[in-house]
Amino acid sequence: MTFKKGDFILIDYVATVKETGEVFDTTIEETAKKGNLYKEGEVFEPKLIVIGEGWVLKELDDNLTKMELGKTSPVEISPEKIQG
């Protein structure tokens, strides 16, 4: 099953620096603990996204329609794209 613009989905993610593998953001508690990102009281759970509504970075949003339910899919976003 693939997704389309307007679909509501829940995503888990792990954001890392490509060159170092350092985790800087995640929705997964165990990964947060391993990467020293865990904060007591913070909720680690899948994030609700509406595809095509700009709730996430454009490059990620564009890639969501190419992903399949239940499959892990890497998305590479260059720093230039994040900064605008």
Protein backbone atom coordinates (compact mmCIF):
# COMPACT_ATOMS: atom_id res chain seq x y z
CA MET A 1 0.00 0.00 0.00
CA THR A 2 1.39 3.40 -0.99
CA PHE A 3 0.29 6.80 0.22
CA LYS A 4 -1.11 9.89 -1.49
CA LYS A 5 -1.46 13.59 -0.78
CA GLY A 6 -4.00 14.19 1.97
CA ASP A 7 -3.47 10.85 3.70
CA PHE A 8 -3.14 10.95 7.47
CA ILE A 9 -0.29 8.71 8.61
CA LEU A 10 1.72 8.02 11.74
CA ILE A 11 5.48 7.85 11.25
CA ASP A 12 8.37 6.79 13.41
CA TYR A 13 11.73 8.24 12.42
CA VAL A 14 15.37 8.44 13.36
CA ALA A 15 17.20 11.53 12.09
CA THR A 16 20.97 11.18 11.86
CA VAL A 17 23.98 13.09 10.56
CA LYS A 18 25.08 11.14 7.48
CA GLU A 19 28.81 11.60 8.00
CA THR A 20 28.91 10.62 11.68
CA GLY A 21 25.78 8.56 12.24
CA GLU A 22 24.94 10.80 15.23
CA VAL A 23 21.23 10.72 16.07
CA PHE A 24 19.80 14.22 16.58
CA ASP A 25 16.06 13.49 16.64
CA THR A 26 13.80 10.46 16.93
CA THR A 27 10.32 9.29 17.83
CA ILE A 28 11.65 6.00 19.24
CA GLU A 29 12.34 5.91 22.99
CA GLU A 30 15.01 3.18 22.89
CA THR A 31 16.91 5.04 20.15
CA ALA A 32 16.67 8.27 22.17
CA LYS A 33 18.17 6.54 25.20
CA LYS A 34 21.05 5.10 23.16
CA GLY A 35 21.72 8.48 21.52
CA ASN A 36 21.58 10.45 24.78
CA LEU A 37 18.47 12.32 23.61
CA TYR A 38 16.13 10.89 26.22
CA LYS A 39 14.46 13.40 28.54
CA GLU A 40 12.30 12.31 31.46
CA GLY A 41 8.66 13.08 30.75
CA GLU A 42 9.09 13.46 26.98
CA VAL A 43 6.69 11.34 24.95
CA PHE A 44 8.27 9.14 22.28
CA GLU A 45 5.62 7.92 19.85
CA PRO A 46 4.84 8.03 16.13
CA LYS A 47 4.06 11.51 14.79
CA LEU A 48 0.85 12.31 12.93
CA ILE A 49 1.52 13.66 9.45
CA VAL A 50 -0.86 14.76 6.70
CA ILE A 51 0.96 14.18 3.43
CA GLY A 52 1.31 17.30 1.28
CA GLU A 53 0.27 19.75 3.99
CA GLY A 54 3.78 20.94 4.92
CA TRP A 55 3.82 19.37 8.40
CA VAL A 56 7.34 18.05 7.73
CA LEU A 57 10.28 19.13 5.58
CA LYS A 58 9.32 19.26 1.89
CA GLU A 59 11.87 16.62 0.87
CA LEU A 60 10.44 14.19 3.42
CA ASP A 61 6.88 15.09 2.45
CA ASP A 62 7.66 14.42 -1.23
CA ASN A 63 9.17 11.03 -0.39
CA LEU A 64 6.23 9.85 1.72
CA THR A 65 4.15 9.13 -1.41
CA LYS A 66 6.89 6.73 -2.56
CA MET A 67 6.93 4.76 0.69
CA GLU A 68 5.02 1.61 1.59
CA LEU A 69 3.21 0.78 4.79
CA GLY A 70 5.37 -1.12 7.26
CA LYS A 71 8.63 -0.68 5.35
CA THR A 72 11.64 1.32 6.47
CA SER A 73 12.72 3.87 3.86
CA PRO A 74 15.77 6.12 4.15
CA VAL A 75 15.41 9.76 3.07
CA GLU A 76 18.49 11.93 2.65
CA ILE A 77 18.00 15.68 3.07
CA SER A 78 20.94 18.02 2.49
CA PRO A 79 21.57 20.86 4.95
CA GLU A 80 20.95 23.38 2.16
CA LYS A 81 17.38 22.09 1.78
CA ILE A 82 16.72 22.45 5.51
CA GLN A 83 17.98 26.02 5.68
CA GLY A 84 15.73 27.13 2.84
